[in-house]
N, C-alpha and C. Protein backbone atom coordinates (compact mmCIF):
# COMPACT_ATOMS: atom_id res chain seq x y z
N MET A 1 62.13 102.74 109.04
CA MET A 1 63.49 102.34 108.60
C MET A 1 63.66 101.06 108.83
N ASP A 2 64.13 100.23 107.68
CA ASP A 2 64.30 98.86 107.85
C ASP A 2 65.69 98.57 108.88
N GLY A 3 65.62 97.29 109.17
CA GLY A 3 66.83 96.98 110.19
C GLY A 3 68.09 97.08 109.63
N GLN A 4 68.49 96.91 108.62
CA GLN A 4 69.74 97.02 107.89
C GLN A 4 70.05 98.70 108.11
N GLY A 5 68.80 99.51 107.69
CA GLY A 5 69.16 100.87 107.65
C GLY A 5 69.29 101.47 109.13
N ALA A 6 68.63 100.80 110.30
CA ALA A 6 69.06 101.20 111.50
C ALA A 6 70.55 100.83 111.91
N ILE A 7 70.88 99.79 111.60
CA ILE A 7 72.18 99.41 111.88
C ILE A 7 73.21 100.27 111.35
N ALA A 8 73.11 100.76 110.14
CA ALA A 8 73.91 101.51 109.31
C ALA A 8 73.96 103.05 110.08
N GLN A 9 72.76 103.35 110.60
CA GLN A 9 72.60 104.81 111.29
C GLN A 9 73.22 104.56 112.68
N GLN A 10 73.10 103.26 113.06
CA GLN A 10 73.93 103.41 114.63
C GLN A 10 75.34 103.24 114.41
N ALA A 11 75.84 102.36 113.45
CA ALA A 11 77.18 102.54 113.31
C ALA A 11 77.67 103.80 112.78
N ALA A 12 77.21 104.55 112.05
CA ALA A 12 77.59 105.93 111.59
C ALA A 12 77.78 106.78 112.99
N GLY A 13 76.86 106.83 113.81
CA GLY A 13 76.84 107.45 114.88
C GLY A 13 77.78 107.25 115.81
N PHE A 14 78.13 105.87 115.75
CA PHE A 14 79.25 105.27 116.84
C PHE A 14 80.57 105.76 116.36
N VAL A 15 80.78 105.82 115.20
CA VAL A 15 81.87 106.25 114.48
C VAL A 15 82.11 107.73 115.00
N GLU A 16 81.27 108.49 114.65
CA GLU A 16 81.40 109.89 114.94
C GLU A 16 81.70 110.27 116.28
N ALA A 17 80.94 109.47 117.40
CA ALA A 17 80.89 109.70 118.73
C ALA A 17 82.02 109.28 119.45
N ASP A 18 82.36 107.73 119.20
CA ASP A 18 83.22 107.07 119.98
C ASP A 18 84.58 106.56 119.42
N LEU A 19 84.79 106.70 118.20
CA LEU A 19 85.93 106.01 117.63
C LEU A 19 87.21 106.77 118.02
N ASP A 20 87.20 108.12 118.05
CA ASP A 20 88.34 109.03 118.84
C ASP A 20 89.66 108.38 117.68
N LEU A 21 89.36 108.52 116.46
CA LEU A 21 90.52 108.04 115.62
C LEU A 21 90.97 109.55 114.93
N VAL A 22 92.14 109.79 114.94
CA VAL A 22 92.82 111.09 114.53
C VAL A 22 93.71 110.73 113.43
N LEU A 23 93.75 111.41 112.21
CA LEU A 23 94.61 111.13 111.29
C LEU A 23 95.74 112.47 111.37
N ALA A 24 96.88 112.16 110.55
CA ALA A 24 98.00 113.33 111.01
C ALA A 24 97.21 114.65 110.37
N GLY A 25 97.71 115.52 111.00
CA GLY A 25 97.07 116.82 110.53
C GLY A 25 95.74 117.39 110.90
N ARG A 26 94.91 116.39 111.63
CA ARG A 26 93.67 116.75 112.13
C ARG A 26 93.70 117.48 113.47
N GLN A 27 93.04 118.54 113.61
CA GLN A 27 93.05 119.24 114.57
C GLN A 27 92.38 118.53 115.90
N ALA A 28 92.68 118.91 117.24
CA ALA A 28 91.88 118.15 118.24
C ALA A 28 90.57 118.59 118.12
N GLY A 29 89.45 117.92 118.31
CA GLY A 29 88.22 118.06 118.54
C GLY A 29 87.61 118.11 116.99
N GLN A 30 88.27 118.08 115.95
CA GLN A 30 87.70 118.25 114.79
C GLN A 30 86.90 117.28 114.52
N SER A 31 85.57 117.40 113.76
CA SER A 31 84.71 116.42 113.72
C SER A 31 85.09 115.32 112.71
N LEU A 32 84.48 114.06 112.86
CA LEU A 32 84.81 112.82 112.16
C LEU A 32 83.42 112.68 111.32
N GLU A 33 82.63 113.75 111.00
CA GLU A 33 81.42 113.61 110.05
C GLU A 33 81.62 113.09 108.83
N VAL A 34 82.55 113.50 108.10
CA VAL A 34 82.91 112.95 106.84
C VAL A 34 83.11 111.32 106.87
N VAL A 35 83.87 110.97 107.85
CA VAL A 35 84.20 109.44 107.93
C VAL A 35 82.84 108.76 108.39
N ALA A 36 81.94 109.35 109.33
CA ALA A 36 80.79 108.98 109.76
C ALA A 36 79.53 108.64 108.43
N GLN A 37 79.71 109.69 107.74
CA GLN A 37 78.90 109.61 106.69
C GLN A 37 79.10 108.43 105.68
N GLY A 38 80.15 107.74 105.63
CA GLY A 38 80.58 106.67 104.87
C GLY A 38 79.74 105.46 105.47
N GLY A 39 79.36 105.40 106.66
CA GLY A 39 78.64 104.24 107.21
C GLY A 39 79.38 103.10 107.64
N VAL A 40 78.86 101.99 107.84
CA VAL A 40 79.39 100.74 108.45
C VAL A 40 80.80 100.29 107.66
N ALA A 41 80.81 100.50 106.37
CA ALA A 41 82.18 100.02 105.60
C ALA A 41 83.26 100.98 106.25
N ASP A 42 83.11 102.30 106.05
CA ASP A 42 84.28 102.88 106.50
C ASP A 42 84.50 102.71 107.95
N ALA A 43 83.68 102.34 109.03
CA ALA A 43 83.91 101.95 110.21
C ALA A 43 84.53 100.60 110.29
N GLU A 44 84.21 99.85 109.54
CA GLU A 44 84.81 98.56 109.34
C GLU A 44 86.29 98.53 109.04
N TRP A 45 86.51 99.48 108.08
CA TRP A 45 87.74 99.58 107.46
C TRP A 45 88.55 100.35 108.47
N MET A 46 88.36 101.28 109.30
CA MET A 46 89.10 101.73 110.57
C MET A 46 89.70 100.88 111.38
N PHE A 47 88.40 100.19 111.77
CA PHE A 47 88.93 99.30 112.84
C PHE A 47 89.86 98.05 112.51
N ARG A 48 89.70 97.68 111.32
CA ARG A 48 90.34 96.40 110.83
C ARG A 48 91.51 96.98 110.41
N SER A 49 91.70 98.18 109.56
CA SER A 49 92.94 98.58 108.79
C SER A 49 93.81 99.37 109.85
N MET A 50 93.24 100.63 110.05
CA MET A 50 93.93 101.62 110.82
C MET A 50 94.32 101.22 112.18
N LEU A 51 93.36 100.73 112.91
CA LEU A 51 93.44 100.32 114.38
C LEU A 51 94.00 98.90 114.45
N GLY A 52 93.72 97.96 113.38
CA GLY A 52 94.26 96.79 113.43
C GLY A 52 93.64 96.01 114.08
N ILE A 53 92.22 96.10 114.52
CA ILE A 53 91.40 95.18 115.27
C ILE A 53 90.50 94.32 114.61
N ASP A 54 90.80 92.91 114.73
CA ASP A 54 90.11 91.96 113.85
C ASP A 54 89.86 90.77 114.66
N THR A 55 89.20 89.88 114.41
CA THR A 55 88.98 88.61 115.24
C THR A 55 89.60 87.42 114.07
N ASP A 56 89.89 86.36 115.04
CA ASP A 56 90.39 85.23 114.30
C ASP A 56 89.48 84.03 114.75
N GLY A 57 88.31 84.16 114.21
CA GLY A 57 87.17 83.22 114.39
C GLY A 57 85.86 83.92 114.83
N VAL A 58 85.17 83.37 115.48
CA VAL A 58 83.91 84.02 115.99
C VAL A 58 83.88 84.81 117.15
N GLY A 59 83.36 85.83 117.14
CA GLY A 59 83.08 86.36 118.51
C GLY A 59 84.08 87.04 119.15
N PHE A 60 85.35 87.29 118.50
CA PHE A 60 86.55 88.14 119.33
C PHE A 60 87.19 87.47 120.61
N LYS A 61 86.88 85.93 120.50
CA LYS A 61 87.31 85.19 121.56
C LYS A 61 88.84 85.20 121.36
N LYS A 62 89.30 85.19 120.09
CA LYS A 62 90.73 85.14 119.74
C LYS A 62 90.91 86.55 118.80
N ILE A 63 91.68 87.41 119.28
CA ILE A 63 91.60 88.56 118.66
C ILE A 63 93.11 88.72 117.82
N VAL A 64 93.09 89.42 116.72
CA VAL A 64 94.32 89.89 116.01
C VAL A 64 94.36 91.24 116.13
N LEU A 65 95.59 91.81 116.35
CA LEU A 65 95.93 93.21 116.37
C LEU A 65 96.86 93.47 115.43
N LYS A 66 96.67 93.97 114.28
CA LYS A 66 97.62 94.35 113.21
C LYS A 66 97.48 95.63 112.43
N PRO A 67 97.85 96.68 113.09
CA PRO A 67 97.42 97.98 112.40
C PRO A 67 98.21 98.16 110.99
N GLU A 68 97.46 98.80 110.15
CA GLU A 68 98.11 99.28 108.77
C GLU A 68 98.39 100.73 108.84
N MET A 69 99.69 101.14 108.72
CA MET A 69 99.91 102.51 108.86
C MET A 69 100.46 103.05 107.43
N GLY A 70 99.21 103.95 106.90
CA GLY A 70 99.30 104.48 105.69
C GLY A 70 100.45 105.64 105.57
N GLU A 71 100.63 105.78 104.55
CA GLU A 71 101.38 107.10 104.30
C GLU A 71 100.81 108.28 104.86
N GLY A 72 101.41 109.12 105.61
CA GLY A 72 100.68 110.35 106.11
C GLY A 72 100.09 110.19 107.46
N ILE A 73 100.02 109.04 107.75
CA ILE A 73 99.09 108.68 109.18
C ILE A 73 100.33 108.35 110.18
N THR A 74 100.24 109.32 110.99
CA THR A 74 101.10 108.92 112.33
C THR A 74 100.55 108.49 113.50
N TRP A 75 99.29 108.48 113.69
CA TRP A 75 98.77 107.87 114.94
C TRP A 75 97.53 107.67 114.69
N ALA A 76 97.09 106.60 115.37
CA ALA A 76 95.59 106.35 115.33
C ALA A 76 95.21 105.84 116.94
N LYS A 77 94.03 106.17 117.42
CA LYS A 77 93.63 105.49 118.61
C LYS A 77 92.19 105.35 118.49
N GLY A 78 91.66 104.31 119.09
CA GLY A 78 90.18 103.72 119.10
C GLY A 78 89.98 102.50 119.72
N HIS A 79 88.83 102.00 119.94
CA HIS A 79 88.50 100.90 120.67
C HIS A 79 87.28 100.16 119.92
N TYR A 80 87.14 98.81 120.29
CA TYR A 80 85.65 98.15 119.75
C TYR A 80 85.18 97.59 121.02
N ASP A 81 84.10 97.76 121.25
CA ASP A 81 83.45 97.08 122.42
C ASP A 81 82.89 95.79 122.05
N SER A 82 83.49 94.50 122.21
CA SER A 82 83.21 93.28 121.84
C SER A 82 82.27 92.79 122.86
N ILE A 83 81.99 91.41 122.63
CA ILE A 83 81.05 90.70 123.63
C ILE A 83 82.02 90.55 124.77
N HIS A 84 83.39 90.24 124.80
CA HIS A 84 84.12 89.97 125.88
C HIS A 84 84.51 91.28 126.58
N GLY A 85 84.22 92.32 126.04
CA GLY A 85 84.79 93.51 126.49
C GLY A 85 85.56 94.50 125.53
N ARG A 86 86.15 95.60 126.16
CA ARG A 86 86.82 96.65 125.24
C ARG A 86 88.02 95.98 124.65
N ILE A 87 88.52 96.15 123.44
CA ILE A 87 89.54 96.11 122.86
C ILE A 87 90.05 97.25 122.24
N GLY A 88 91.16 97.59 122.70
CA GLY A 88 91.85 98.97 122.37
C GLY A 88 93.13 99.19 121.54
N SER A 89 93.22 100.00 120.66
CA SER A 89 94.56 100.04 120.17
C SER A 89 94.88 101.58 119.83
N ASP A 90 96.01 101.87 120.41
CA ASP A 90 96.40 103.24 120.40
C ASP A 90 97.79 103.37 119.88
N TRP A 91 98.35 103.63 118.73
CA TRP A 91 99.65 103.44 118.34
C TRP A 91 99.91 105.05 117.70
N LYS A 92 101.27 105.17 117.86
CA LYS A 92 102.05 106.33 117.25
C LYS A 92 103.34 106.08 116.62
N ARG A 93 103.45 106.66 115.35
CA ARG A 93 104.89 106.51 115.03
C ARG A 93 105.54 107.83 114.94
N ASP A 94 106.83 107.59 115.07
CA ASP A 94 107.59 109.07 114.84
C ASP A 94 108.99 108.66 114.27
N ASN A 95 109.09 109.04 113.15
CA ASN A 95 110.22 108.35 112.07
C ASN A 95 110.31 106.89 112.33
N ASP A 96 111.43 106.38 112.88
CA ASP A 96 111.38 105.10 113.02
C ASP A 96 111.08 104.38 114.30
N GLN A 97 110.53 105.18 115.14
CA GLN A 97 110.04 104.65 116.45
C GLN A 97 108.49 104.45 116.36
N PHE A 98 108.07 103.23 117.01
CA PHE A 98 106.76 102.75 116.98
C PHE A 98 106.33 102.80 118.47
N SER A 99 105.21 103.26 118.89
CA SER A 99 104.78 103.10 120.28
C SER A 99 103.34 102.67 120.22
N TRP A 100 102.80 101.70 120.98
CA TRP A 100 101.59 101.03 120.66
C TRP A 100 100.94 100.58 121.87
N LYS A 101 99.78 101.08 122.48
CA LYS A 101 99.12 100.58 123.71
C LYS A 101 97.83 99.86 123.28
N ILE A 102 97.92 98.60 123.90
CA ILE A 102 96.69 97.70 123.51
C ILE A 102 95.81 97.29 124.62
N THR A 103 94.71 96.88 124.53
CA THR A 103 93.85 96.33 125.60
C THR A 103 93.30 95.25 125.01
N VAL A 104 93.56 93.89 125.74
CA VAL A 104 93.03 92.67 125.36
C VAL A 104 91.94 92.34 126.39
N PRO A 105 90.61 92.17 126.25
CA PRO A 105 89.69 91.83 127.45
C PRO A 105 90.01 90.52 127.93
N ALA A 106 89.44 90.42 129.24
CA ALA A 106 89.39 89.18 129.95
C ALA A 106 88.77 88.00 129.16
N ASN A 107 89.24 86.76 129.39
CA ASN A 107 89.17 85.54 128.92
C ASN A 107 89.35 85.51 127.41
N THR A 108 90.36 86.44 126.81
CA THR A 108 90.62 86.25 125.30
C THR A 108 92.06 86.24 125.21
N THR A 109 92.60 86.02 124.07
CA THR A 109 93.87 86.02 123.72
C THR A 109 94.02 86.80 122.38
N ALA A 110 95.36 87.23 122.14
CA ALA A 110 95.35 88.11 120.82
C ALA A 110 96.89 87.79 120.27
N THR A 111 96.83 87.66 119.05
CA THR A 111 98.11 87.65 118.23
C THR A 111 98.31 89.02 117.68
N VAL A 112 99.44 89.67 118.22
CA VAL A 112 99.94 91.07 118.03
C VAL A 112 100.99 91.05 117.18
N TYR A 113 100.81 92.03 115.97
CA TYR A 113 101.78 92.08 115.13
C TYR A 113 102.48 93.65 115.07
N VAL A 114 103.65 93.44 115.76
CA VAL A 114 104.55 94.84 116.17
C VAL A 114 105.37 95.05 114.91
N PRO A 115 105.35 96.28 114.36
CA PRO A 115 106.18 96.65 113.37
C PRO A 115 107.64 96.66 114.01
N ALA A 116 108.68 96.03 113.46
CA ALA A 116 110.01 95.81 114.35
C ALA A 116 110.82 95.08 113.15
N LYS A 117 112.30 95.67 113.41
CA LYS A 117 113.33 95.06 112.67
C LYS A 117 113.65 93.55 113.25
N ASP A 118 113.34 93.53 114.48
CA ASP A 118 113.72 91.98 115.09
C ASP A 118 112.88 92.02 116.25
N GLU A 119 112.82 90.86 116.94
CA GLU A 119 112.31 90.41 118.11
C GLU A 119 112.98 91.48 119.23
N GLU A 120 114.32 91.25 119.35
CA GLU A 120 115.21 92.11 120.22
C GLU A 120 114.76 93.66 120.37
N SER A 121 114.25 94.16 119.21
CA SER A 121 113.93 95.60 119.22
C SER A 121 112.72 96.08 119.92
N VAL A 122 112.06 94.95 120.33
CA VAL A 122 110.90 95.32 121.13
C VAL A 122 110.87 95.33 122.43
N SER A 123 110.13 96.39 122.91
CA SER A 123 110.05 96.33 124.61
C SER A 123 108.59 96.33 124.84
N GLU A 124 108.24 96.04 126.12
CA GLU A 124 106.98 96.12 126.58
C GLU A 124 106.77 96.84 128.00
N SER A 125 106.42 98.06 128.19
CA SER A 125 106.28 98.63 129.53
C SER A 125 107.77 98.82 129.86
N GLY A 126 108.74 99.28 128.90
CA GLY A 126 110.27 99.44 129.27
C GLY A 126 111.12 98.24 129.48
N SER A 127 110.32 96.95 129.57
CA SER A 127 111.28 95.83 129.70
C SER A 127 111.69 95.00 128.34
N PRO A 128 112.86 94.55 128.19
CA PRO A 128 112.88 93.66 126.97
C PRO A 128 111.82 92.56 127.11
N ILE A 129 111.37 92.51 125.81
CA ILE A 129 110.21 91.66 125.42
C ILE A 129 110.44 90.14 125.93
N ALA A 130 111.72 89.66 125.96
CA ALA A 130 112.00 88.33 126.26
C ALA A 130 111.82 88.15 127.84
N GLN A 131 111.67 89.08 128.67
CA GLN A 131 111.55 89.29 130.20
C GLN A 131 110.25 89.35 130.59
N VAL A 132 109.41 89.50 129.47
CA VAL A 132 107.74 89.79 129.78
C VAL A 132 107.07 88.67 130.08
N GLU A 133 106.49 88.47 131.06
CA GLU A 133 105.62 87.38 131.37
C GLU A 133 104.29 87.52 130.68
N GLY A 134 103.72 86.38 129.88
CA GLY A 134 102.52 86.49 129.35
C GLY A 134 102.69 86.98 127.87
N VAL A 135 103.80 87.28 127.37
CA VAL A 135 104.14 87.84 126.05
C VAL A 135 104.81 86.66 125.20
N THR A 136 104.50 85.96 124.28
CA THR A 136 105.12 84.91 123.68
C THR A 136 105.47 85.30 122.28
N PHE A 137 106.75 85.25 121.94
CA PHE A 137 107.22 85.56 120.60
C PHE A 137 106.99 84.33 119.78
N LEU A 138 106.30 84.54 118.55
CA LEU A 138 106.18 83.55 117.61
C LEU A 138 106.72 83.43 116.43
N ARG A 139 106.98 84.70 115.81
CA ARG A 139 107.84 84.73 114.62
C ARG A 139 107.87 85.83 114.13
N MET A 140 108.98 86.20 113.12
CA MET A 140 109.02 87.44 112.34
C MET A 140 108.34 87.28 110.93
N GLU A 141 107.61 88.34 110.68
CA GLU A 141 106.49 88.21 109.45
C GLU A 141 106.63 89.41 108.79
N LYS A 142 107.06 89.60 107.82
CA LYS A 142 107.10 90.75 106.80
C LYS A 142 107.13 92.04 107.64
N GLY A 143 108.45 92.04 108.19
CA GLY A 143 108.63 93.35 109.03
C GLY A 143 108.05 93.55 110.32
N ARG A 144 107.47 92.42 110.94
CA ARG A 144 106.61 92.68 112.09
C ARG A 144 107.04 91.28 113.13
N ALA A 145 107.15 91.54 114.29
CA ALA A 145 107.46 90.64 115.31
C ALA A 145 106.01 90.28 115.64
N VAL A 146 105.76 89.00 115.58
CA VAL A 146 104.22 88.61 116.15
C VAL A 146 104.62 87.93 117.42
N PHE A 147 103.67 88.16 118.26
CA PHE A 147 103.51 87.78 119.74
C PHE A 147 102.01 87.24 119.91
N GLU A 148 101.94 86.23 120.93
CA GLU A 148 100.66 85.77 121.53
C GLU A 148 100.69 86.54 122.73
N VAL A 149 99.65 87.12 123.17
CA VAL A 149 99.34 87.68 124.55
C VAL A 149 98.00 87.22 125.12
N GLY A 150 97.97 87.29 126.54
CA GLY A 150 96.61 87.27 127.11
C GLY A 150 95.99 88.48 127.36
N SER A 151 94.95 88.23 128.27
CA SER A 151 94.20 89.39 128.57
C SER A 151 95.11 90.62 129.48
N GLY A 152 94.61 91.75 129.29
CA GLY A 152 95.20 92.85 130.05
C GLY A 152 95.70 93.85 129.10
N LYS A 153 96.49 94.93 129.57
CA LYS A 153 96.98 96.01 128.91
C LYS A 153 98.36 95.99 128.75
N TYR A 154 98.98 96.42 127.43
CA TYR A 154 100.17 96.47 127.13
C TYR A 154 100.59 97.66 126.42
N ALA A 155 102.10 97.81 126.59
CA ALA A 155 102.82 99.06 125.82
C ALA A 155 103.83 98.67 125.30
N PHE A 156 103.87 98.58 123.96
CA PHE A 156 105.01 97.91 123.05
C PHE A 156 105.52 99.25 122.57
N ASN A 157 106.81 99.20 122.46
CA ASN A 157 107.85 100.37 122.03
C ASN A 157 108.82 99.59 121.23
N THR A 158 109.18 100.04 119.66
CA THR A 158 110.11 99.43 118.94
C THR A 158 110.77 100.44 118.15
N LYS A 159 111.86 99.99 117.58
CA LYS A 159 112.54 100.57 116.38
C LYS A 159 112.03 99.86 115.20
N MET A 160 111.50 100.24 114.12
CA MET A 160 111.00 99.73 112.98
C MET A 160 112.09 99.32 112.00
N ASN A 161 113.05 100.29 111.87
CA ASN A 161 114.28 100.05 110.80
C ASN A 161 115.36 99.60 111.49
């Protein structure tokens, strides 16, 4: 098998074994084989779109977290093991409520796009966002409150409308 084929095979196995991504209506423990058969392109789509994990530059030193919530998808959970450590994204929406747990590895920063009607509607671990140290509000952009965060684990909650 050539090098590219080996990478595709490893990526497909990784998706099936480690992604832990669940779509609305999928039963617990149901196989992700259909997704895994798509290979690298499907895995990349899931990380970048559904989980919202992307890099702003080379090597995930600066991370972008911006999940895309498609119609009928109510939650997604997964991670990417970057050179700096694990990047996690675990979100759930229930009507207009949105909760999102993220993990940003040591010695990195992330720009986080939280679906929200405004900055004041966002909380982190139960505290109003303005009171949370290490979380800086940058702007509102297309229905999302955009924050800069450092390394750590965060639990955002918001009302989207």
